[in-house]
Protein backbone atom coordinates (compact mmCIF):
# COMPACT_ATOMS: atom_id res chain seq x y z
CA MET A 1 40.50 -0.21 -83.46
CA GLY A 2 42.12 2.19 -80.91
CA LYS A 3 40.67 2.90 -77.54
CA SER A 4 38.52 5.74 -77.06
CA ALA A 5 39.16 8.72 -74.87
CA LYS A 6 36.95 7.63 -72.42
CA GLU A 7 38.36 4.16 -72.20
CA ILE A 8 41.78 5.65 -71.74
CA ASP A 9 40.54 8.13 -68.98
CA SER A 10 38.96 5.22 -66.96
CA PHE A 11 42.12 3.00 -67.33
CA LYS A 12 44.25 5.95 -65.87
CA GLU A 13 41.78 6.54 -63.21
CA PHE A 14 42.07 2.74 -62.22
CA GLU A 15 45.76 2.95 -62.54
CA ASP A 16 45.95 5.83 -60.28
CA LEU A 17 43.68 4.20 -57.89
CA LEU A 18 46.08 1.10 -57.77
CA ILE A 19 48.91 3.03 -57.00
CA LYS A 20 47.11 4.83 -54.15
CA ALA A 21 46.09 1.51 -52.84
CA THR A 22 49.70 0.22 -52.90
CA ASN A 23 51.06 3.23 -51.41
CA THR A 24 48.94 2.85 -48.20
CA ALA A 25 50.47 -0.62 -47.54
CA ASN A 26 52.91 -0.80 -44.78
CA GLU A 27 54.82 -3.32 -46.69
CA GLY A 28 57.30 -2.46 -49.68
CA ILE A 29 55.78 -3.39 -52.99
CA THR A 30 58.15 -3.64 -56.02
CA ILE A 31 57.92 -4.73 -59.62
CA SER A 32 60.64 -6.12 -61.58
CA SER A 33 60.89 -6.35 -65.26
CA MET A 34 62.01 -9.77 -66.60
CA ASP A 35 62.21 -8.80 -70.16
CA GLN A 36 64.93 -6.00 -69.69
CA PRO A 37 68.74 -6.58 -68.96
CA ASP A 38 69.59 -7.18 -65.33
CA ARG A 39 65.80 -7.31 -64.31
CA PRO A 40 65.48 -3.72 -63.18
CA LEU A 41 62.78 -2.29 -60.80
CA VAL A 42 60.04 -0.53 -62.74
CA PHE A 43 57.79 0.34 -59.77
CA VAL A 44 58.24 0.66 -55.98
CA ASN A 45 55.39 1.96 -53.62
CA GLU A 46 55.97 4.52 -50.84
CA GLY A 47 56.06 1.46 -48.28
CA PHE A 48 59.14 0.42 -49.86
CA GLU A 49 60.66 4.06 -49.56
CA ARG A 50 59.70 4.08 -45.86
CA LEU A 51 61.21 0.62 -45.34
CA THR A 52 64.49 1.16 -47.17
CA GLY A 53 65.19 4.88 -47.11
CA TYR A 54 65.58 4.76 -50.90
CA SER A 55 63.47 6.79 -53.02
CA LYS A 56 61.86 6.01 -56.35
CA LYS A 57 64.55 8.00 -58.17
CA ASP A 58 67.34 6.28 -56.39
CA VAL A 59 66.10 2.72 -57.46
CA ILE A 60 64.03 2.67 -60.59
CA GLY A 61 65.91 1.07 -63.30
CA LYS A 62 68.31 -0.78 -60.98
CA ASN A 63 68.38 -4.52 -59.91
CA CYS A 64 67.19 -4.76 -56.16
CA ARG A 65 70.43 -6.48 -55.26
CA PHE A 66 71.42 -3.15 -53.80
CA LEU A 67 69.69 -3.84 -50.51
CA GLN A 68 72.25 -6.72 -50.13
CA GLY A 69 75.49 -6.36 -47.97
CA LYS A 70 78.41 -7.87 -46.46
CA ASP A 71 76.49 -10.20 -43.95
CA THR A 72 73.61 -11.20 -46.41
CA ASP A 73 73.44 -14.94 -46.53
CA GLN A 74 73.59 -16.32 -50.09
CA ALA A 75 71.55 -19.20 -49.55
CA PRO A 76 68.11 -17.30 -49.72
CA VAL A 77 69.48 -15.17 -52.52
CA GLU A 78 70.23 -18.42 -54.49
CA ALA A 79 66.46 -19.23 -53.53
CA ILE A 80 65.34 -16.28 -55.28
CA ARG A 81 67.46 -16.95 -58.31
CA HIS A 82 66.21 -20.34 -58.49
CA ALA A 83 62.65 -19.50 -58.25
CA ILE A 84 63.05 -16.65 -60.98
CA LYS A 85 64.50 -19.01 -63.19
CA LYS A 86 61.89 -21.55 -62.78
CA GLY A 87 59.01 -18.87 -62.95
CA GLU A 88 57.83 -19.77 -59.52
CA ARG A 89 56.87 -17.96 -56.45
CA THR A 90 58.83 -18.12 -53.23
CA THR A 91 59.36 -16.60 -49.77
CA VAL A 92 62.60 -15.87 -48.03
CA GLU A 93 63.96 -14.33 -44.90
CA LEU A 94 67.34 -12.43 -45.62
CA LEU A 95 69.51 -9.65 -44.14
CA ASN A 96 69.17 -6.46 -46.03
CA TYR A 97 70.50 -3.05 -45.75
CA LYS A 98 68.74 0.50 -45.73
CA LYS A 99 70.13 3.47 -47.47
CA ASP A 100 71.74 4.68 -44.34
CA GLY A 101 73.64 1.19 -43.98
CA THR A 102 71.18 0.16 -41.12
CA PRO A 103 70.56 -3.68 -41.41
CA PHE A 104 66.97 -5.23 -41.18
CA TRP A 105 65.55 -8.55 -41.71
CA ASN A 106 63.55 -8.69 -44.89
CA ARG A 107 60.74 -11.29 -45.44
CA LEU A 108 60.46 -11.19 -49.13
CA SER A 109 57.85 -12.66 -51.01
CA ILE A 110 58.09 -12.84 -54.90
CA THR A 111 55.35 -13.70 -57.17
CA PRO A 112 55.70 -13.99 -61.15
CA LEU A 113 53.25 -12.15 -63.46
CA LYS A 114 52.83 -14.19 -66.75
CA ASP A 115 51.39 -13.12 -70.14
CA LYS A 116 48.84 -14.87 -72.11
CA LYS A 117 51.53 -17.42 -73.50
CA GLY A 118 52.69 -18.22 -69.97
CA VAL A 119 55.95 -16.38 -70.12
CA THR A 120 56.89 -14.42 -66.99
CA THR A 121 57.19 -10.67 -67.64
CA HIS A 122 57.55 -9.23 -64.29
CA TYR A 123 57.83 -10.20 -60.73
CA VAL A 124 56.03 -8.59 -57.82
CA GLY A 125 57.87 -8.41 -54.64
CA VAL A 126 56.33 -7.95 -51.13
CA GLN A 127 58.78 -6.92 -48.49
CA SER A 128 58.27 -6.92 -44.65
CA ASP A 129 60.55 -5.70 -41.92
CA ILE A 130 60.64 -8.64 -39.50
CA THR A 131 63.73 -7.48 -37.49
CA GLU A 132 61.77 -7.07 -34.38
CA LEU A 133 60.29 -10.52 -34.86
CA ARG A 134 63.71 -11.97 -35.66
CA GLU A 135 65.07 -10.52 -32.48
CA THR A 136 62.14 -11.80 -30.26
CA GLN A 137 62.79 -15.34 -31.94
CA LYS A 138 66.52 -15.02 -31.15
CA ASN A 139 65.82 -13.85 -27.63
CA LEU A 140 63.17 -16.81 -27.22
CA LYS A 141 65.62 -19.37 -28.46
CA ALA A 142 68.28 -17.90 -25.87
CA ALA A 143 65.56 -18.14 -23.07
CA ASN A 144 64.75 -21.65 -24.02
CA LYS A 145 68.27 -22.62 -24.16
CA ASP A 146 68.80 -21.22 -20.54
CA LEU A 147 65.54 -22.76 -19.52
CA ALA A 148 66.87 -26.09 -20.83
CA LEU A 149 70.08 -25.69 -18.91
CA PHE A 150 68.08 -24.76 -15.67
CA GLN A 151 65.83 -27.79 -16.11
CA GLU A 152 68.86 -29.92 -16.58
CA ARG A 153 70.24 -28.41 -13.29
CA ILE A 154 67.07 -29.02 -11.51
CA ASN A 155 66.71 -32.69 -12.80
CA PHE A 156 70.23 -33.30 -11.68
CA GLU A 157 69.58 -31.82 -8.40
CA LEU A 158 66.32 -33.93 -7.99
CA GLU A 159 68.15 -36.83 -8.99
CA GLU A 160 70.75 -36.23 -6.34
CA ALA A 161 68.02 -35.62 -3.75
CA ARG A 162 66.52 -38.75 -4.65
CA ARG A 163 69.73 -40.55 -4.17
CA VAL A 164 70.00 -39.06 -0.66
CA GLN A 165 66.12 -39.80 0.02
CA ASN A 166 66.92 -43.34 -0.80
CA PHE A 167 69.79 -43.30 1.52
CA ILE A 168 67.61 -42.53 4.39
CA LEU A 169 65.25 -45.38 3.62
CA PRO A 170 66.11 -48.74 5.04
CA ALA A 171 68.27 -50.42 2.52
CA THR A 172 67.10 -53.84 4.19
CA LEU A 173 64.38 -54.61 6.66
CA PRO A 174 65.17 -56.26 9.85
CA GLU A 175 64.70 -60.24 10.03
CA ASN A 176 63.53 -62.21 12.82
CA GLU A 177 62.22 -65.85 12.85
CA THR A 178 59.23 -64.63 14.89
CA LEU A 179 58.11 -61.67 12.49
CA LYS A 180 58.41 -60.47 8.96
CA PHE A 181 58.60 -56.76 7.77
CA ALA A 182 57.32 -55.50 4.29
CA SER A 183 57.18 -52.19 2.75
CA VAL A 184 56.19 -50.33 -0.56
CA PHE A 185 57.45 -46.96 -1.41
CA GLU A 186 56.52 -45.04 -4.67
CA PRO A 187 57.08 -41.33 -4.72
CA MET A 188 54.79 -39.36 -7.25
CA ASP A 189 57.61 -37.42 -8.23
CA GLN A 190 61.50 -38.13 -8.51
CA ILE A 191 61.41 -37.40 -4.83
CA GLY A 192 58.42 -37.05 -2.42
CA GLY A 193 57.32 -36.36 1.07
CA ASP A 194 56.71 -39.77 2.25
CA PHE A 195 59.30 -41.83 4.20
CA TYR A 196 59.50 -44.67 6.43
CA ASP A 197 61.83 -46.38 8.66
CA ILE A 198 62.33 -49.65 10.58
CA ILE A 199 65.06 -49.89 13.17
CA GLU A 200 66.15 -52.41 15.84
CA ILE A 201 66.22 -50.39 19.04
CA GLU A 202 67.39 -53.32 21.18
CA LYS A 203 67.39 -57.01 20.90
CA GLY A 204 63.91 -58.03 19.65
CA VAL A 205 62.60 -54.45 20.06
CA TYR A 206 61.63 -52.58 16.92
CA GLY A 207 60.72 -48.99 16.06
CA ILE A 208 58.45 -48.63 13.05
CA LEU A 209 57.85 -45.28 11.68
CA ILE A 210 55.87 -44.07 8.57
CA ALA A 211 55.57 -40.36 7.92
CA ASP A 212 54.40 -37.83 5.37
CA VAL A 213 55.96 -34.32 4.95
CA THR A 214 53.93 -31.57 3.24
CA GLY A 215 54.42 -30.92 -0.47
CA HIS A 216 56.86 -32.58 -3.10
CA GLY A 217 60.19 -31.87 -4.73
CA ILE A 218 63.19 -30.54 -3.15
CA GLN A 219 61.70 -28.77 -0.23
CA ALA A 220 59.95 -31.97 0.83
CA ALA A 221 63.06 -33.97 0.41
CA LEU A 222 65.02 -31.35 2.77
CA LEU A 223 62.07 -31.72 5.28
CA THR A 224 62.21 -35.55 5.01
CA PHE A 225 66.15 -35.48 5.61
CA MET A 226 65.62 -33.18 8.80
CA THR A 227 62.66 -35.38 10.08
CA SER A 228 64.62 -38.59 9.61
CA PHE A 229 67.88 -37.50 11.33
CA ALA A 230 65.77 -35.80 14.14
CA PHE A 231 63.73 -39.21 14.53
CA LYS A 232 66.73 -41.46 14.35
CA ASN A 233 68.53 -39.37 17.12
CA ALA A 234 65.41 -39.69 19.41
CA ALA A 235 64.43 -43.34 18.74
CA ILE A 236 67.68 -44.70 20.01
CA GLN A 237 67.23 -42.94 23.22
CA THR A 238 64.11 -44.58 24.50
CA SER A 239 61.48 -47.28 23.41
CA SER A 240 58.59 -44.82 24.45
CA SER A 241 56.87 -43.81 21.07
CA SER A 242 55.37 -40.67 22.50
CA LYS A 243 58.71 -39.51 23.74
CA VAL A 244 60.29 -40.11 20.32
CA VAL A 245 57.57 -38.17 18.59
CA ALA A 246 57.84 -35.37 21.01
CA ALA A 247 61.57 -35.19 20.69
CA THR A 248 61.12 -35.07 16.96
CA ASN A 249 58.74 -32.11 17.05
CA LYS A 250 61.07 -30.30 19.41
CA LYS A 251 63.94 -30.80 17.00
CA LEU A 252 61.77 -29.52 14.07
CA TYR A 253 59.71 -26.57 15.41
CA ASN A 254 60.77 -23.26 14.37
CA LYS A 255 63.17 -24.73 11.75
CA MET A 256 60.66 -25.55 9.05
CA PRO A 257 59.07 -23.28 6.38
CA ARG A 258 55.96 -21.51 7.43
CA GLY A 259 52.95 -23.84 6.77
CA SER A 260 54.94 -27.01 6.62
CA PHE A 261 54.20 -29.83 8.85
CA ILE A 262 54.68 -33.68 9.40
CA THR A 263 52.26 -36.19 9.88
CA MET A 264 53.85 -39.29 11.92
CA PHE A 265 52.78 -42.76 12.84
CA TYR A 266 55.41 -44.34 15.06
CA ALA A 267 54.98 -47.83 16.73
CA VAL A 268 57.29 -49.64 18.89
CA TYR A 269 56.91 -53.48 18.88
CA ASP A 270 58.51 -55.98 21.50
CA SER A 271 58.81 -59.29 20.04
CA ASN A 272 59.68 -60.74 23.52
CA THR A 273 56.18 -59.65 24.89
CA LYS A 274 54.42 -59.23 21.57
CA LYS A 275 53.15 -55.85 22.77
CA LEU A 276 52.78 -52.97 20.41
CA THR A 277 52.94 -49.22 21.61
CA PHE A 278 52.20 -46.48 19.27
CA THR A 279 51.58 -42.78 18.73
CA GLN A 280 49.55 -41.36 16.11
CA ALA A 281 50.55 -37.87 15.18
CA GLY A 282 48.09 -36.46 12.74
CA HIS A 283 48.68 -39.41 10.42
CA PRO A 284 45.90 -41.77 9.20
CA GLU A 285 45.17 -44.61 11.81
CA GLY A 286 46.93 -47.85 11.33
CA TYR A 287 45.31 -51.17 11.52
CA VAL A 288 45.84 -54.59 13.18
CA LEU A 289 44.40 -57.52 11.27
CA ARG A 290 43.68 -60.98 13.16
CA PRO A 291 42.85 -63.43 10.16
CA ALA A 292 42.10 -66.13 12.62
CA THR A 293 38.96 -64.16 13.87
CA ARG A 294 38.44 -61.91 10.88
CA GLN A 295 38.91 -58.96 13.01
CA LEU A 296 40.44 -55.52 12.48
CA PHE A 297 41.57 -53.15 15.17
CA PRO A 298 42.14 -49.46 14.43
CA LEU A 299 45.21 -47.87 15.90
CA ILE A 300 44.17 -44.68 17.40
CA SER A 301 46.04 -42.15 19.74
CA GLU A 302 45.31 -38.90 18.31
CA SER A 303 47.96 -36.38 18.66
CA PRO A 304 48.96 -33.09 16.95
CA LEU A 305 51.04 -32.82 13.76
CA VAL A 306 54.70 -32.81 14.06
CA GLY A 307 56.71 -29.68 13.61
CA ALA A 308 53.85 -27.32 13.62
CA PHE A 309 53.40 -26.47 17.47
CA SER A 310 55.89 -25.69 20.25
CA SER A 311 56.62 -28.61 22.45
CA ASP A 312 55.19 -26.68 25.26
CA SER A 313 51.83 -26.40 23.89
CA VAL A 314 51.34 -30.10 22.68
CA ASN A 315 51.07 -33.68 24.40
CA TYR A 316 51.73 -36.81 22.40
CA LYS A 317 49.70 -39.84 23.62
CA GLU A 318 50.79 -43.25 23.59
CA SER A 319 48.48 -46.16 23.28
CA GLU A 320 49.21 -50.10 23.12
CA ILE A 321 47.72 -53.49 21.82
CA GLN A 322 48.64 -57.02 22.80
CA LEU A 323 49.41 -58.94 19.67
CA GLU A 324 48.97 -62.60 18.66
CA ILE A 325 50.60 -64.97 16.34
CA GLY A 326 49.21 -64.45 12.89
CA ASP A 327 48.33 -60.87 13.31
CA LYS A 328 49.44 -58.08 10.68
CA LEU A 329 50.19 -54.63 11.38
CA ILE A 330 49.37 -52.19 8.34
CA LEU A 331 50.55 -48.48 8.25
CA TYR A 332 50.27 -46.31 5.11
CA THR A 333 50.07 -42.72 3.94
CA ASP A 334 46.87 -41.17 2.75
CA ALA A 335 47.36 -41.73 -0.93
CA ILE A 336 45.53 -45.09 -0.46
CA LEU A 337 42.40 -43.56 0.69
CA GLU A 338 42.50 -40.41 -1.32
CA VAL A 339 41.76 -42.00 -4.68
CA TRP A 340 38.82 -41.25 -7.02
CA ASN A 341 37.07 -43.26 -9.55
CA SER A 342 36.09 -42.21 -13.10
CA GLU A 343 32.78 -40.90 -11.54
CA ASP A 344 34.70 -38.55 -9.10
CA ILE A 345 33.83 -40.56 -6.14
CA MET A 346 36.25 -40.89 -3.35
CA LEU A 347 37.07 -44.55 -2.09
CA ASP A 348 34.89 -45.40 0.73
CA LYS A 349 36.97 -46.12 3.91
CA GLU A 350 34.59 -48.90 4.89
CA ASP A 351 35.12 -50.61 1.53
CA PHE A 352 38.83 -50.32 2.28
CA ILE A 353 38.57 -51.89 5.70
CA THR A 354 36.38 -54.81 4.16
CA PHE A 355 39.08 -55.43 1.66
CA LEU A 356 41.55 -55.69 4.42
CA ILE A 357 39.61 -58.18 6.29
CA ASN A 358 38.91 -60.13 3.39
CA ASN A 359 42.56 -60.51 2.45
CA SER A 360 43.88 -60.71 5.92
CA HIS A 361 44.98 -64.12 5.33
CA SER A 362 47.58 -63.31 2.63
CA PRO A 363 51.15 -62.97 3.79
CA ILE A 364 52.05 -59.51 4.65
CA ASP A 365 54.20 -58.68 1.46
CA ASP A 366 51.44 -59.96 -0.65
CA LEU A 367 48.92 -58.19 1.18
CA LEU A 368 50.67 -54.83 0.50
CA GLY A 369 51.04 -55.59 -3.08
CA LYS A 370 46.99 -56.42 -3.06
CA ILE A 371 46.38 -53.14 -1.31
CA LYS A 372 48.19 -51.13 -4.10
CA SER A 373 46.32 -53.06 -6.83
CA PHE A 374 43.12 -52.44 -5.17
CA GLY A 375 43.61 -48.56 -5.01
CA LEU A 376 44.76 -48.42 -8.54
CA LYS A 377 41.97 -50.57 -9.86
CA TYR A 378 39.40 -48.28 -8.05
CA SER A 379 41.04 -45.17 -9.59
CA GLY A 380 41.42 -46.77 -13.15
CA GLN A 381 44.84 -45.16 -13.32
CA GLU A 382 48.25 -46.63 -13.51
CA THR A 383 49.90 -44.65 -10.81
CA PHE A 384 48.71 -42.90 -7.61
CA LYS A 385 48.35 -39.13 -7.43
CA ASP A 386 50.51 -38.82 -4.38
CA ASP A 387 53.33 -40.57 -2.76
CA PHE A 388 52.27 -44.00 -2.03
CA THR A 389 53.86 -45.71 0.97
CA MET A 390 52.89 -48.70 3.02
CA VAL A 391 54.86 -50.58 5.86
CA GLY A 392 53.71 -53.86 7.27
CA LEU A 393 54.45 -56.28 9.97
CA GLU A 394 53.43 -59.87 10.32
CA ILE A 395 53.76 -61.93 13.68
CA LEU A 396 54.89 -65.34 12.63
CA GLY A 397 54.57 -68.71 14.67
């Protein structure tokens, strides 16, 4: 039985509605017949005309390969052929050409339409212009390549800076049958702002420095180089700790970036008299441990930061303490005290002091290792969140 006129009109209205809907799409929509020779286009929407510049009259009855050109990669074309042969859907990106010859990147998705017997009768193609996206991806890829080269260069420069920084650290520590030095140096980054030095000023007289430069990375490394050279030049001139720090400050003032400064603790130990003189310039106080009596002596001579103020406006103080056989000197940067546990509670300084007293009997190198473990155990971390540096001295019998 044939369809009624009403049914035919209803179908025609639905067909018109479907065509209107496809014409409102920004994407190009095509339908190709699979049961006609060369699989020609039987439908294209207005989006296809806008996208390619071809009119319906130009393309209906033709295979859509006319969009291909001299630079079209054959790999996605072959993927399309393979999908059509298998009756499968696929999505590819390929370089196509508009009617005026302008190339554009086409993201083409094809989907088979099958009859009741499962035979593919048509293919629906949806085409999107992704030229801008591809250009963005290309620029991003180039930017990432440049960024990788830049990062490689920075890493190389950091590694070179680290080598130089290691050069300014003492390769070996002075040895004397009446004393023993020890140190720990672990920068947070490849290079850090902490450094230390131990020099023999004259026979049996030693200068012991620990310092912390603001910041990390290359700038901090440059400041450590400047500070180290200024310190060494001053330290060989005098055994006065305050004069050395004052001379270092004079060399560095107005030569450092704005807002930069250095904290220093510099001590001079005379093994002939067992007298220790020291200057504390904005740095955490040092400690002398006396295991025999379980005493701890804070080393305080509060003085200004280094490099931040004119030498005419600052005064660096010098204090002294008489050491005894068995005493231990502990100098450190602030990483050991500025640690937080899992409950975000900062390490209590009194707990640190108690730990030092309870472990004061340990040999100096063992003691420094125990201090490090103590800080890491409290934080629950494997490394400190700042440069970690310690210097120790033990007076032997």
